[in-house]
Amino acid sequence: MPAEERDGSLVEAYARLLSDPDPAVREKAARHWCAWEDTHVAVHPNHLPDPRFDDPAFRMRFARLVTHTGAMAHGSRTGSCSARQESWQASPEFWCTAAST
């Protein structure tokens, strides 16, 4: 994470990195995000990394989806998080767009 991005929301910073015009920046951000995701769910000592994160296309879709929804929740100061989540889930355009990018 670039130093200038470390003072704000990490979710929003990763969302920006995942939209960077440079493919190498996007891929590095996706790898780092998915490594963190895989680590924080490791609740037992025999945890193995999720093999889905080995696939670059899956890794990018997953990281973009999670950081996009997280950035939306963090960035919006009006309404409850659950109300915003309900509106996202009701939007097929959101899910189709997020999954195909």
Protein backbone atom coordinates (compact mmCIF):
# COMPACT_ATOMS: atom_id res chain seq x y z
CA MET A 1 0.00 0.00 0.00
CA PRO A 2 1.50 3.34 -1.00
CA ALA A 3 2.36 5.52 2.01
CA GLU A 4 -0.03 8.29 0.93
CA GLU A 5 -2.95 5.82 1.10
CA ARG A 6 -2.30 4.59 4.65
CA ASP A 7 -4.06 7.36 6.58
CA GLY A 8 -7.57 6.74 5.26
CA SER A 9 -9.79 3.77 4.65
CA LEU A 10 -7.78 0.77 3.47
CA VAL A 11 -10.87 -0.63 1.77
CA GLU A 12 -11.27 2.55 -0.28
CA ALA A 13 -7.53 2.64 -1.01
CA TYR A 14 -7.60 -0.94 -2.30
CA ALA A 15 -10.69 -0.15 -4.39
CA ARG A 16 -8.70 2.66 -6.04
CA LEU A 17 -5.67 0.41 -6.60
CA LEU A 18 -7.90 -2.24 -8.17
CA SER A 19 -9.06 0.40 -10.66
CA ASP A 20 -5.58 1.65 -11.51
CA PRO A 21 -4.84 1.87 -15.26
CA ASP A 22 -1.67 -0.22 -14.76
CA PRO A 23 -2.49 -3.98 -14.83
CA ALA A 24 0.51 -4.76 -12.60
CA VAL A 25 -0.82 -2.43 -9.89
CA ARG A 26 -4.29 -4.00 -10.12
CA GLU A 27 -2.90 -7.56 -9.94
CA LYS A 28 -0.65 -6.78 -6.98
CA ALA A 29 -3.56 -5.18 -5.10
CA ALA A 30 -5.78 -8.19 -5.85
CA ARG A 31 -3.09 -10.63 -4.65
CA HIS A 32 -2.56 -8.70 -1.42
CA TRP A 33 -6.28 -8.27 -0.75
CA CYS A 34 -7.00 -11.98 -1.29
CA ALA A 35 -4.04 -13.03 0.85
CA TRP A 36 -5.46 -10.93 3.68
CA GLU A 37 -8.97 -12.34 3.12
CA ASP A 38 -7.62 -15.88 3.22
CA THR A 39 -5.57 -15.24 6.34
CA HIS A 40 -8.25 -13.59 8.45
CA VAL A 41 -10.65 -16.52 7.95
CA ALA A 42 -8.03 -19.08 9.01
CA VAL A 43 -9.60 -20.11 12.30
CA HIS A 44 -7.96 -23.49 12.72
CA PRO A 45 -4.29 -24.52 12.76
CA ASN A 46 -4.60 -26.78 9.68
CA HIS A 47 -6.05 -24.07 7.45
CA LEU A 48 -5.03 -24.33 3.81
CA PRO A 49 -5.15 -21.36 1.42
CA ASP A 50 -8.29 -21.19 -0.70
CA PRO A 51 -7.29 -22.49 -4.15
CA ARG A 52 -9.77 -20.13 -5.83
CA PHE A 53 -7.34 -17.30 -5.10
CA ASP A 54 -4.80 -18.96 -7.41
CA ASP A 55 -6.97 -17.99 -10.38
CA PRO A 56 -6.11 -14.38 -11.43
CA ALA A 57 -9.60 -13.75 -12.86
CA PHE A 58 -11.34 -14.97 -9.70
CA ARG A 59 -8.90 -13.05 -7.51
CA MET A 60 -9.62 -9.80 -9.37
CA ARG A 61 -13.41 -10.25 -9.37
CA PHE A 62 -13.46 -11.16 -5.69
CA ALA A 63 -11.22 -8.29 -4.59
CA ARG A 64 -13.14 -5.74 -6.69
CA LEU A 65 -16.50 -6.94 -5.41
CA VAL A 66 -15.51 -6.90 -1.76
CA THR A 67 -13.68 -3.58 -1.85
CA HIS A 68 -16.37 -1.93 -3.98
CA THR A 69 -19.14 -2.86 -1.53
CA GLY A 70 -16.91 -2.01 1.43
CA ALA A 71 -15.99 1.37 -0.03
CA MET A 72 -19.66 2.11 -0.67
CA ALA A 73 -20.55 1.25 2.92
CA HIS A 74 -17.65 3.26 4.34
CA GLY A 75 -18.04 6.23 2.02
CA SER A 76 -21.74 6.76 2.49
CA ARG A 77 -22.55 8.58 5.70
CA THR A 78 -26.34 8.44 5.29
CA GLY A 79 -28.60 5.53 6.08
CA SER A 80 -27.79 2.30 7.81
CA CYS A 81 -25.34 -0.22 6.47
CA SER A 82 -28.04 -2.91 6.35
CA ALA A 83 -30.35 -0.64 4.34
CA ARG A 84 -27.56 0.00 1.83
CA GLN A 85 -26.81 -3.72 1.66
CA GLU A 86 -30.47 -4.46 0.92
CA SER A 87 -30.41 -1.95 -1.92
CA TRP A 88 -27.23 -3.57 -3.37
CA GLN A 89 -28.76 -7.03 -3.18
CA ALA A 90 -31.84 -5.74 -4.99
CA SER A 91 -29.73 -4.46 -7.86
CA PRO A 92 -28.96 -7.17 -10.43
CA GLU A 93 -27.04 -4.58 -12.43
CA PHE A 94 -24.62 -4.19 -9.52
CA TRP A 95 -23.96 -7.91 -9.13
CA CYS A 96 -23.62 -8.55 -12.88
CA THR A 97 -21.32 -5.59 -13.37
CA ALA A 98 -19.16 -6.40 -10.34
CA ALA A 99 -18.82 -10.06 -11.30
CA SER A 100 -17.85 -9.35 -14.90
CA THR A 101 -15.15 -6.74 -14.25
